[in-house]
Amino acid sequence: MDKHVIVIGGGLGGLFTGAILAKEGCKVQILEKNRTIGGGLQSFSRRGTFFDTGMHILGGLREGGNVYRICKYLGISDKMAIHDNDHDCIDSITYLSDKTEIKVPEGKDAFINYFSKLFPHEKEGIRAYVNQLYNIANEVDLFCLRETKELFKQYSEEFFLPADELIAKYIQDSKTT
């Protein structure tokens, strides 16, 4: 029997889902409301300010990361030209109130260590928050390329929390949230 699938959304998740389903033998059509595909990978400009919404590298494209694992499964990892980045600054945050710039380092441990030095009173909360982010990502079978027979997956309560509420569960300092 032919399987036809429509994927709503041409962001990274929709594109990966479509590619995995196509590799598994489905006929896939991806529908995207914007003029270009990419979702959060797109950049845009509003009122003269440029917003780079591109994917973060915190857990993705390096060997062993989820995005890398999916690309390897799809047979495209050896076709990608991945350029090394500044491991000490994969992103930056600027507080407008005092012009403080925080440079976010690459990798789980580097992230935890860096922010724990900036906010030593939040060290345990930062570690718990980052560990919970990884736990939440691990709940998604497809993201981890695990087979499942569950039709209706049960996720943790924290899986559905908005980012600000999840952060607030672990970290109290208002400058970190």
N, C-alpha and C. Protein backbone atom coordinates (compact mmCIF):
# COMPACT_ATOMS: atom_id res chain seq x y z
N MET A 1 0.84 -1.18 0.00
CA MET A 1 0.00 0.00 0.00
C MET A 1 0.89 1.24 0.00
N ASP A 2 0.57 2.18 -0.88
CA ASP A 2 1.31 3.44 -0.94
C ASP A 2 0.92 4.33 0.22
N LYS A 3 1.92 4.92 0.84
CA LYS A 3 1.69 5.84 1.95
C LYS A 3 1.98 7.25 1.48
N HIS A 4 0.99 8.11 1.59
CA HIS A 4 1.12 9.51 1.23
C HIS A 4 1.05 10.33 2.50
N VAL A 5 2.00 11.25 2.67
CA VAL A 5 2.07 12.04 3.89
C VAL A 5 2.20 13.51 3.52
N ILE A 6 1.47 14.34 4.24
CA ILE A 6 1.62 15.79 4.11
C ILE A 6 2.24 16.29 5.42
N VAL A 7 3.34 17.02 5.29
CA VAL A 7 4.00 17.61 6.44
C VAL A 7 3.70 19.10 6.41
N ILE A 8 3.17 19.62 7.50
CA ILE A 8 2.86 21.04 7.61
C ILE A 8 4.06 21.74 8.23
N GLY A 9 4.69 22.60 7.49
CA GLY A 9 5.82 23.38 8.00
C GLY A 9 7.13 22.94 7.41
N GLY A 10 7.82 23.87 6.78
CA GLY A 10 9.10 23.59 6.14
C GLY A 10 10.29 24.07 6.94
N GLY A 11 10.17 24.05 8.27
CA GLY A 11 11.31 24.33 9.12
C GLY A 11 12.20 23.10 9.19
N LEU A 12 13.24 23.19 9.99
CA LEU A 12 14.18 22.07 10.10
C LEU A 12 13.47 20.78 10.50
N GLY A 13 12.55 20.86 11.47
CA GLY A 13 11.81 19.68 11.90
C GLY A 13 10.95 19.09 10.80
N GLY A 14 10.25 19.94 10.06
CA GLY A 14 9.41 19.47 8.96
C GLY A 14 10.23 18.87 7.83
N LEU A 15 11.37 19.52 7.52
CA LEU A 15 12.23 19.01 6.45
C LEU A 15 12.83 17.66 6.83
N PHE A 16 13.32 17.55 8.06
CA PHE A 16 13.86 16.27 8.51
C PHE A 16 12.78 15.20 8.54
N THR A 17 11.60 15.55 9.04
CA THR A 17 10.50 14.58 9.09
C THR A 17 10.16 14.10 7.69
N GLY A 18 10.04 15.02 6.76
CA GLY A 18 9.75 14.66 5.38
C GLY A 18 10.82 13.78 4.77
N ALA A 19 12.07 14.11 5.02
CA ALA A 19 13.18 13.33 4.47
C ALA A 19 13.22 11.91 5.06
N ILE A 20 12.98 11.80 6.37
CA ILE A 20 12.98 10.48 7.01
C ILE A 20 11.82 9.64 6.48
N LEU A 21 10.64 10.25 6.37
CA LEU A 21 9.49 9.51 5.84
C LEU A 21 9.72 9.08 4.39
N ALA A 22 10.33 9.96 3.59
CA ALA A 22 10.63 9.61 2.19
C ALA A 22 11.64 8.45 2.15
N LYS A 23 12.64 8.49 3.00
CA LYS A 23 13.63 7.41 3.05
C LYS A 23 12.97 6.09 3.43
N GLU A 24 11.91 6.17 4.24
CA GLU A 24 11.20 4.96 4.67
C GLU A 24 10.12 4.54 3.66
N GLY A 25 10.06 5.21 2.51
CA GLY A 25 9.18 4.77 1.44
C GLY A 25 7.89 5.54 1.27
N CYS A 26 7.68 6.57 2.03
CA CYS A 26 6.45 7.36 1.89
C CYS A 26 6.60 8.40 0.79
N LYS A 27 5.46 8.76 0.19
CA LYS A 27 5.42 9.89 -0.73
C LYS A 27 5.07 11.10 0.11
N VAL A 28 5.95 12.10 0.09
CA VAL A 28 5.86 13.22 1.03
C VAL A 28 5.65 14.52 0.27
N GLN A 29 4.74 15.33 0.82
CA GLN A 29 4.57 16.70 0.35
C GLN A 29 4.70 17.60 1.57
N ILE A 30 5.57 18.60 1.47
CA ILE A 30 5.78 19.54 2.58
C ILE A 30 5.13 20.86 2.21
N LEU A 31 4.28 21.34 3.10
CA LEU A 31 3.59 22.61 2.89
C LEU A 31 4.20 23.66 3.81
N GLU A 32 4.54 24.82 3.24
CA GLU A 32 5.15 25.91 4.00
C GLU A 32 4.43 27.21 3.68
N LYS A 33 4.06 27.97 4.71
CA LYS A 33 3.31 29.21 4.50
C LYS A 33 4.19 30.36 4.02
N ASN A 34 5.47 30.31 4.32
CA ASN A 34 6.37 31.40 3.92
C ASN A 34 6.89 31.19 2.51
N ARG A 35 7.53 32.20 1.99
CA ARG A 35 8.06 32.12 0.62
C ARG A 35 9.26 31.19 0.51
N THR A 36 9.95 31.00 1.61
CA THR A 36 11.10 30.10 1.59
C THR A 36 10.99 29.11 2.74
N ILE A 37 11.65 27.97 2.56
CA ILE A 37 11.68 26.97 3.62
C ILE A 37 12.76 27.36 4.62
N GLY A 38 12.73 26.72 5.76
CA GLY A 38 13.80 26.94 6.73
C GLY A 38 13.33 27.22 8.13
N GLY A 39 12.11 27.73 8.30
CA GLY A 39 11.61 28.01 9.64
C GLY A 39 12.55 28.87 10.44
N GLY A 40 12.98 28.36 11.59
CA GLY A 40 13.88 29.10 12.46
C GLY A 40 15.28 29.27 11.89
N LEU A 41 15.57 28.64 10.77
CA LEU A 41 16.87 28.82 10.13
C LEU A 41 16.91 30.11 9.32
N GLN A 42 15.76 30.71 9.08
CA GLN A 42 15.69 31.93 8.29
C GLN A 42 16.17 33.13 9.10
N SER A 43 16.63 34.14 8.41
CA SER A 43 16.95 35.42 9.03
C SER A 43 15.99 36.44 8.44
N PHE A 44 15.75 37.52 9.18
CA PHE A 44 14.84 38.54 8.68
C PHE A 44 15.22 39.90 9.25
N SER A 45 14.61 40.93 8.68
CA SER A 45 14.88 42.30 9.10
C SER A 45 13.55 42.98 9.43
N ARG A 46 13.52 43.69 10.55
CA ARG A 46 12.34 44.45 10.96
C ARG A 46 12.77 45.84 11.38
N ARG A 47 12.20 46.84 10.72
CA ARG A 47 12.49 48.24 11.05
C ARG A 47 13.98 48.52 11.10
N GLY A 48 14.71 47.97 10.14
CA GLY A 48 16.13 48.22 10.03
C GLY A 48 17.02 47.38 10.94
N THR A 49 16.45 46.51 11.75
CA THR A 49 17.24 45.65 12.62
C THR A 49 17.24 44.24 12.05
N PHE A 50 18.44 43.67 11.93
CA PHE A 50 18.60 42.34 11.38
C PHE A 50 18.52 41.31 12.50
N PHE A 51 17.74 40.26 12.30
CA PHE A 51 17.60 39.17 13.26
C PHE A 51 18.10 37.88 12.62
N ASP A 52 19.16 37.33 13.18
CA ASP A 52 19.68 36.06 12.72
C ASP A 52 19.07 34.99 13.61
N THR A 53 18.10 34.26 13.10
CA THR A 53 17.39 33.26 13.91
C THR A 53 17.93 31.87 13.66
N GLY A 54 19.11 31.77 13.09
CA GLY A 54 19.67 30.49 12.70
C GLY A 54 19.83 29.50 13.83
N MET A 55 19.96 28.26 13.44
CA MET A 55 20.07 27.15 14.37
C MET A 55 21.31 27.31 15.25
N HIS A 56 21.15 26.92 16.49
CA HIS A 56 22.27 26.94 17.42
C HIS A 56 23.01 25.62 17.37
N ILE A 57 24.25 25.66 17.76
CA ILE A 57 25.10 24.50 17.64
C ILE A 57 25.27 23.80 18.98
N LEU A 58 24.54 24.20 19.99
CA LEU A 58 24.73 23.69 21.34
C LEU A 58 24.72 22.17 21.38
N GLY A 59 23.88 21.53 20.60
CA GLY A 59 23.85 20.08 20.68
C GLY A 59 23.65 19.41 19.35
N GLY A 60 23.91 20.11 18.24
CA GLY A 60 23.43 19.58 16.98
C GLY A 60 24.37 18.99 15.98
N LEU A 61 25.22 19.79 15.38
CA LEU A 61 25.93 19.34 14.19
C LEU A 61 27.23 18.61 14.44
N ARG A 62 27.72 18.63 15.62
CA ARG A 62 28.95 17.90 15.91
C ARG A 62 28.65 16.40 15.96
N GLU A 63 29.67 15.58 15.68
CA GLU A 63 29.49 14.14 15.72
C GLU A 63 28.92 13.73 17.08
N GLY A 64 27.86 12.94 17.05
CA GLY A 64 27.18 12.53 18.27
C GLY A 64 25.96 13.38 18.57
N GLY A 65 25.86 14.56 17.98
CA GLY A 65 24.71 15.43 18.19
C GLY A 65 23.50 14.90 17.44
N ASN A 66 22.31 15.35 17.85
CA ASN A 66 21.07 14.86 17.24
C ASN A 66 20.95 15.21 15.76
N VAL A 67 21.28 16.43 15.40
CA VAL A 67 21.18 16.84 13.99
C VAL A 67 22.17 16.03 13.15
N TYR A 68 23.37 15.86 13.65
CA TYR A 68 24.37 15.05 12.95
C TYR A 68 23.86 13.62 12.76
N ARG A 69 23.30 13.05 13.81
CA ARG A 69 22.80 11.66 13.76
C ARG A 69 21.71 11.53 12.68
N ILE A 70 20.82 12.51 12.60
CA ILE A 70 19.75 12.46 11.59
C ILE A 70 20.35 12.60 10.19
N CYS A 71 21.30 13.53 10.03
CA CYS A 71 21.93 13.71 8.72
C CYS A 71 22.69 12.45 8.30
N LYS A 72 23.32 11.79 9.23
CA LYS A 72 24.03 10.53 8.93
C LYS A 72 23.02 9.46 8.50
N TYR A 73 21.90 9.36 9.22
CA TYR A 73 20.86 8.39 8.86
C TYR A 73 20.33 8.66 7.45
N LEU A 74 20.18 9.92 7.11
CA LEU A 74 19.67 10.29 5.79
C LEU A 74 20.72 10.15 4.70
N GLY A 75 21.96 9.91 5.09
CA GLY A 75 23.04 9.75 4.11
C GLY A 75 23.56 11.06 3.55
N ILE A 76 23.39 12.14 4.28
CA ILE A 76 23.83 13.44 3.77
C ILE A 76 24.97 14.05 4.59
N SER A 77 25.37 13.42 5.69
CA SER A 77 26.39 14.04 6.55
C SER A 77 27.72 14.21 5.82
N ASP A 78 28.06 13.27 4.94
CA ASP A 78 29.33 13.38 4.22
C ASP A 78 29.24 14.37 3.05
N LYS A 79 28.05 14.86 2.75
CA LYS A 79 27.86 15.82 1.66
C LYS A 79 27.79 17.26 2.17
N MET A 80 27.77 17.43 3.48
CA MET A 80 27.65 18.77 4.06
C MET A 80 29.03 19.38 4.24
N ALA A 81 29.13 20.65 3.96
CA ALA A 81 30.37 21.39 4.20
C ALA A 81 30.17 22.19 5.48
N ILE A 82 30.58 21.59 6.59
CA ILE A 82 30.42 22.25 7.88
C ILE A 82 31.71 22.97 8.21
N HIS A 83 31.58 24.25 8.46
CA HIS A 83 32.74 25.08 8.79
C HIS A 83 32.84 25.22 10.29
N ASP A 84 34.05 25.14 10.78
CA ASP A 84 34.27 25.28 12.21
C ASP A 84 33.84 26.68 12.65
N ASN A 85 33.46 26.78 13.90
CA ASN A 85 33.00 28.05 14.44
C ASN A 85 33.86 28.42 15.64
N ASP A 86 33.60 29.57 16.19
CA ASP A 86 34.29 30.03 17.39
C ASP A 86 33.71 29.25 18.56
N HIS A 87 34.45 28.31 19.10
CA HIS A 87 33.95 27.45 20.16
C HIS A 87 33.64 28.23 21.44
N ASP A 88 34.27 29.40 21.58
CA ASP A 88 34.04 30.22 22.78
C ASP A 88 32.85 31.17 22.62
N CYS A 89 32.32 31.26 21.40
CA CYS A 89 31.19 32.19 21.19
C CYS A 89 30.35 31.73 20.00
N ILE A 90 29.39 30.83 20.26
CA ILE A 90 28.49 30.40 19.20
C ILE A 90 27.30 31.34 19.11
N ASP A 91 27.14 32.16 20.11
CA ASP A 91 26.04 33.14 20.15
C ASP A 91 26.41 34.18 21.20
N SER A 92 25.75 35.32 21.15
CA SER A 92 25.98 36.31 22.18
C SER A 92 24.66 36.94 22.60
N ILE A 93 24.66 37.38 23.83
CA ILE A 93 23.49 38.02 24.42
C ILE A 93 23.94 39.39 24.91
N THR A 94 23.23 40.43 24.55
CA THR A 94 23.56 41.77 25.03
C THR A 94 22.41 42.30 25.86
N TYR A 95 22.72 42.68 27.09
CA TYR A 95 21.72 43.30 27.96
C TYR A 95 21.70 44.78 27.63
N LEU A 96 20.58 45.25 27.13
CA LEU A 96 20.47 46.64 26.72
C LEU A 96 20.58 47.60 27.89
N SER A 97 20.15 47.18 29.08
CA SER A 97 20.15 48.07 30.24
C SER A 97 21.55 48.53 30.63
N ASP A 98 22.54 47.66 30.52
CA ASP A 98 23.90 48.05 30.91
C ASP A 98 24.94 47.71 29.84
N LYS A 99 24.50 47.32 28.65
CA LYS A 99 25.36 46.99 27.50
C LYS A 99 26.33 45.83 27.78
N THR A 100 26.02 45.00 28.76
CA THR A 100 26.83 43.82 29.04
C THR A 100 26.62 42.81 27.92
N GLU A 101 27.73 42.28 27.39
CA GLU A 101 27.64 41.25 26.36
C GLU A 101 28.12 39.93 26.96
N ILE A 102 27.33 38.90 26.77
CA ILE A 102 27.68 37.56 27.22
C ILE A 102 27.89 36.72 25.97
N LYS A 103 29.05 36.08 25.90
CA LYS A 103 29.38 35.23 24.76
C LYS A 103 29.14 33.78 25.16
N VAL A 104 28.23 33.14 24.48
CA VAL A 104 27.81 31.78 24.82
C VAL A 104 28.76 30.77 24.18
N PRO A 105 29.41 29.93 25.00
CA PRO A 105 30.33 28.94 24.43
C PRO A 105 29.61 27.70 23.92
N GLU A 106 30.31 26.93 23.11
CA GLU A 106 29.76 25.71 22.52
C GLU A 106 29.85 24.54 23.48
N GLY A 107 28.82 23.74 23.51
CA GLY A 107 28.84 22.49 24.26
C GLY A 107 28.20 22.60 25.63
N LYS A 108 27.65 21.48 26.06
CA LYS A 108 26.90 21.41 27.31
C LYS A 108 27.75 21.82 28.52
N ASP A 109 28.89 21.17 28.68
CA ASP A 109 29.73 21.46 29.85
C ASP A 109 30.28 22.87 29.83
N ALA A 110 30.71 23.33 28.65
CA ALA A 110 31.23 24.70 28.54
C ALA A 110 30.14 25.72 28.88
N PHE A 111 28.94 25.46 28.42
CA PHE A 111 27.80 26.34 28.71
C PHE A 111 27.55 26.40 30.22
N ILE A 112 27.48 25.24 30.85
CA ILE A 112 27.23 25.19 32.30
C ILE A 112 28.34 25.90 33.07
N ASN A 113 29.59 25.61 32.73
CA ASN A 113 30.72 26.21 33.43
C ASN A 113 30.77 27.73 33.26
N TYR A 114 30.55 28.19 32.04
CA TYR A 114 30.60 29.63 31.76
C TYR A 114 29.52 30.38 32.54
N PHE A 115 28.30 29.91 32.44
CA PHE A 115 27.21 30.62 33.13
C PHE A 115 27.29 30.46 34.64
N SER A 116 27.86 29.36 35.11
CA SER A 116 28.05 29.19 36.55
C SER A 116 29.08 30.17 37.10
N LYS A 117 30.07 30.54 36.29
CA LYS A 117 31.04 31.56 36.71
C LYS A 117 30.41 32.94 36.74
N LEU A 118 29.55 33.22 35.77
CA LEU A 118 28.88 34.53 35.73
C LEU A 118 27.85 34.67 36.85
N PHE A 119 27.20 33.56 37.16
CA PHE A 119 26.14 33.56 38.16
C PHE A 119 26.40 32.43 39.17
N PRO A 120 27.44 32.58 40.00
CA PRO A 120 27.82 31.48 40.90
C PRO A 120 26.71 31.07 41.87
N HIS A 121 25.86 32.01 42.22
CA HIS A 121 24.75 31.69 43.13
C HIS A 121 23.67 30.86 42.44
N GLU A 122 23.75 30.70 41.12
CA GLU A 122 22.78 29.91 40.35
C GLU A 122 23.39 28.63 39.78
N LYS A 123 24.60 28.28 40.24
CA LYS A 123 25.34 27.16 39.66
C LYS A 123 24.52 25.87 39.59
N GLU A 124 23.92 25.48 40.70
CA GLU A 124 23.15 24.23 40.71
C GLU A 124 21.90 24.33 39.83
N GLY A 125 21.26 25.48 39.84
CA GLY A 125 20.08 25.69 39.00
C GLY A 125 20.42 25.64 37.52
N ILE A 126 21.54 26.24 37.16
CA ILE A 126 21.98 26.23 35.75
C ILE A 126 22.24 24.79 35.31
N ARG A 127 22.97 24.04 36.13
CA ARG A 127 23.26 22.64 35.79
C ARG A 127 21.96 21.83 35.64
N ALA A 128 21.04 22.01 36.59
CA ALA A 128 19.77 21.28 36.55
C ALA A 128 18.95 21.68 35.32
N TYR A 129 18.94 22.98 34.99
CA TYR A 129 18.19 23.46 33.83
C TYR A 129 18.73 22.85 32.54
N VAL A 130 20.05 22.89 32.34
CA VAL A 130 20.64 22.36 31.11
C VAL A 130 20.43 20.85 31.03
N ASN A 131 20.59 20.15 32.14
CA ASN A 131 20.33 18.71 32.14
C ASN A 131 18.88 18.43 31.77
N GLN A 132 17.95 19.26 32.25
CA GLN A 132 16.54 19.06 31.91
C GLN A 132 16.29 19.32 30.43
N LEU A 133 16.98 20.30 29.84
CA LEU A 133 16.85 20.53 28.40
C LEU A 133 17.23 19.27 27.62
N TYR A 134 18.32 18.65 28.01
CA TYR A 134 18.74 17.42 27.35
C TYR A 134 17.75 16.29 27.61
N ASN A 135 17.20 16.22 28.81
CA ASN A 135 16.18 15.21 29.10
C ASN A 135 14.94 15.40 28.23
N ILE A 136 14.52 16.65 28.07
CA ILE A 136 13.35 16.96 27.25
C ILE A 136 13.61 16.56 25.80
N ALA A 137 14.77 16.91 25.28
CA ALA A 137 15.11 16.53 23.89
C ALA A 137 15.12 15.02 23.74
N ASN A 138 15.56 14.32 24.76
CA ASN A 138 15.63 12.86 24.72
C ASN A 138 14.25 12.21 24.73
N GLU A 139 13.22 12.95 25.11
CA GLU A 139 11.86 12.39 25.11
C GLU A 139 11.33 12.16 23.70
N VAL A 140 11.87 12.84 22.72
CA VAL A 140 11.37 12.77 21.35
C VAL A 140 12.06 11.62 20.62
N ASP A 141 11.32 10.53 20.44
CA ASP A 141 11.89 9.33 19.83
C ASP A 141 12.48 9.61 18.46
N LEU A 142 11.77 10.32 17.62
CA LEU A 142 12.24 10.58 16.26
C LEU A 142 13.52 11.42 16.28
N PHE A 143 13.59 12.37 17.19
CA PHE A 143 14.78 13.21 17.31
C PHE A 143 16.00 12.37 17.65
N CYS A 144 15.77 11.30 18.38
CA CYS A 144 16.86 10.39 18.78
C CYS A 144 16.95 9.17 17.87
N LEU A 145 16.13 9.13 16.83
CA LEU A 145 16.06 8.02 15.87
C LEU A 145 15.77 6.69 16.56
N ARG A 146 14.84 6.74 17.50
CA ARG A 146 14.39 5.51 18.17
C ARG A 146 13.05 5.11 17.58
N GLU A 147 12.90 3.84 17.32
CA GLU A 147 11.61 3.34 16.85
C GLU A 147 10.64 3.30 18.02
N THR A 148 9.39 3.52 17.72
CA THR A 148 8.37 3.45 18.76
C THR A 148 7.08 2.90 18.15
N LYS A 149 6.31 2.26 18.96
CA LYS A 149 5.01 1.76 18.53
C LYS A 149 3.89 2.59 19.14
N GLU A 150 4.27 3.56 19.97
CA GLU A 150 3.27 4.39 20.65
C GLU A 150 2.58 5.32 19.67
N LEU A 151 1.26 5.31 19.67
CA LEU A 151 0.51 6.23 18.83
C LEU A 151 0.38 7.59 19.52
N PHE A 152 0.23 7.56 20.83
CA PHE A 152 0.07 8.79 21.59
C PHE A 152 1.13 8.83 22.67
N LYS A 153 2.22 9.48 22.37
CA LYS A 153 3.36 9.55 23.29
C LYS A 153 3.00 10.42 24.48
N GLN A 154 3.40 9.99 25.65
CA GLN A 154 3.24 10.77 26.88
C GLN A 154 4.55 11.50 27.15
N TYR A 155 4.47 12.81 27.26
CA TYR A 155 5.65 13.61 27.54
C TYR A 155 5.57 14.16 28.96
N SER A 156 6.70 14.57 29.48
CA SER A 156 6.75 15.15 30.82
C SER A 156 6.01 16.48 30.84
N GLU A 157 5.63 16.90 32.02
CA GLU A 157 4.95 18.19 32.18
C GLU A 157 5.85 19.32 31.68
N GLU A 158 7.15 19.22 31.94
CA GLU A 158 8.08 20.28 31.55
C GLU A 158 8.25 20.37 30.04
N PHE A 159 7.97 19.30 29.33
CA PHE A 159 8.08 19.28 27.87
C PHE A 159 7.22 20.39 27.25
N PHE A 160 6.09 20.68 27.87
CA PHE A 160 5.12 21.62 27.31
C PHE A 160 5.27 23.04 27.85
N LEU A 161 6.19 23.28 28.76
CA LEU A 161 6.34 24.62 29.34
C LEU A 161 6.98 25.58 28.35
N PRO A 162 6.52 26.83 28.34
CA PRO A 162 7.23 27.87 27.57
C PRO A 162 8.63 28.05 28.15
N ALA A 163 9.56 28.52 27.35
CA ALA A 163 10.96 28.64 27.77
C ALA A 163 11.11 29.46 29.05
N ASP A 164 10.41 30.58 29.16
CA ASP A 164 10.58 31.42 30.35
C ASP A 164 10.12 30.71 31.62
N GLU A 165 9.07 29.92 31.53
CA GLU A 165 8.59 29.19 32.71
C GLU A 165 9.54 28.04 33.07
N LEU A 166 10.10 27.38 32.06
CA LEU A 166 11.04 26.31 32.33
C LEU A 166 12.29 26.87 33.01
N ILE A 167 12.81 27.96 32.51
CA ILE A 167 13.99 28.59 33.12
C ILE A 167 13.69 28.97 34.56
N ALA A 168 12.53 29.59 34.79
CA ALA A 168 12.15 30.06 36.13
C ALA A 168 12.03 28.92 37.14
N LYS A 169 11.79 27.69 36.67
CA LYS A 169 11.71 26.55 37.59
C LYS A 169 13.06 26.24 38.22
N TYR A 170 14.13 26.61 37.54
CA TYR A 170 15.47 26.26 37.98
C TYR A 170 16.32 27.45 38.40
N ILE A 171 16.04 28.60 37.83
CA ILE A 171 16.92 29.76 38.01
C ILE A 171 16.10 30.94 38.48
N GLN A 172 16.57 31.60 39.53
CA GLN A 172 15.79 32.69 40.14
C GLN A 172 16.29 34.08 39.74
N ASP A 173 17.57 34.24 39.42
CA ASP A 173 18.15 35.54 39.09
C ASP A 173 17.48 36.12 37.86
N SER A 174 16.91 37.30 37.99
CA SER A 174 16.14 37.89 36.88
C SER A 174 17.01 38.19 35.67
N LYS A 175 18.31 38.35 35.84
CA LYS A 175 19.18 38.62 34.69
C LYS A 175 19.42 37.37 33.86
N THR A 176 19.16 36.21 34.44
CA THR A 176 19.37 34.96 33.70
C THR A 176 18.12 34.48 33.00
N THR A 177 16.97 35.08 33.29
CA THR A 177 15.73 34.57 32.71
C THR A 177 15.20 35.41 31.59
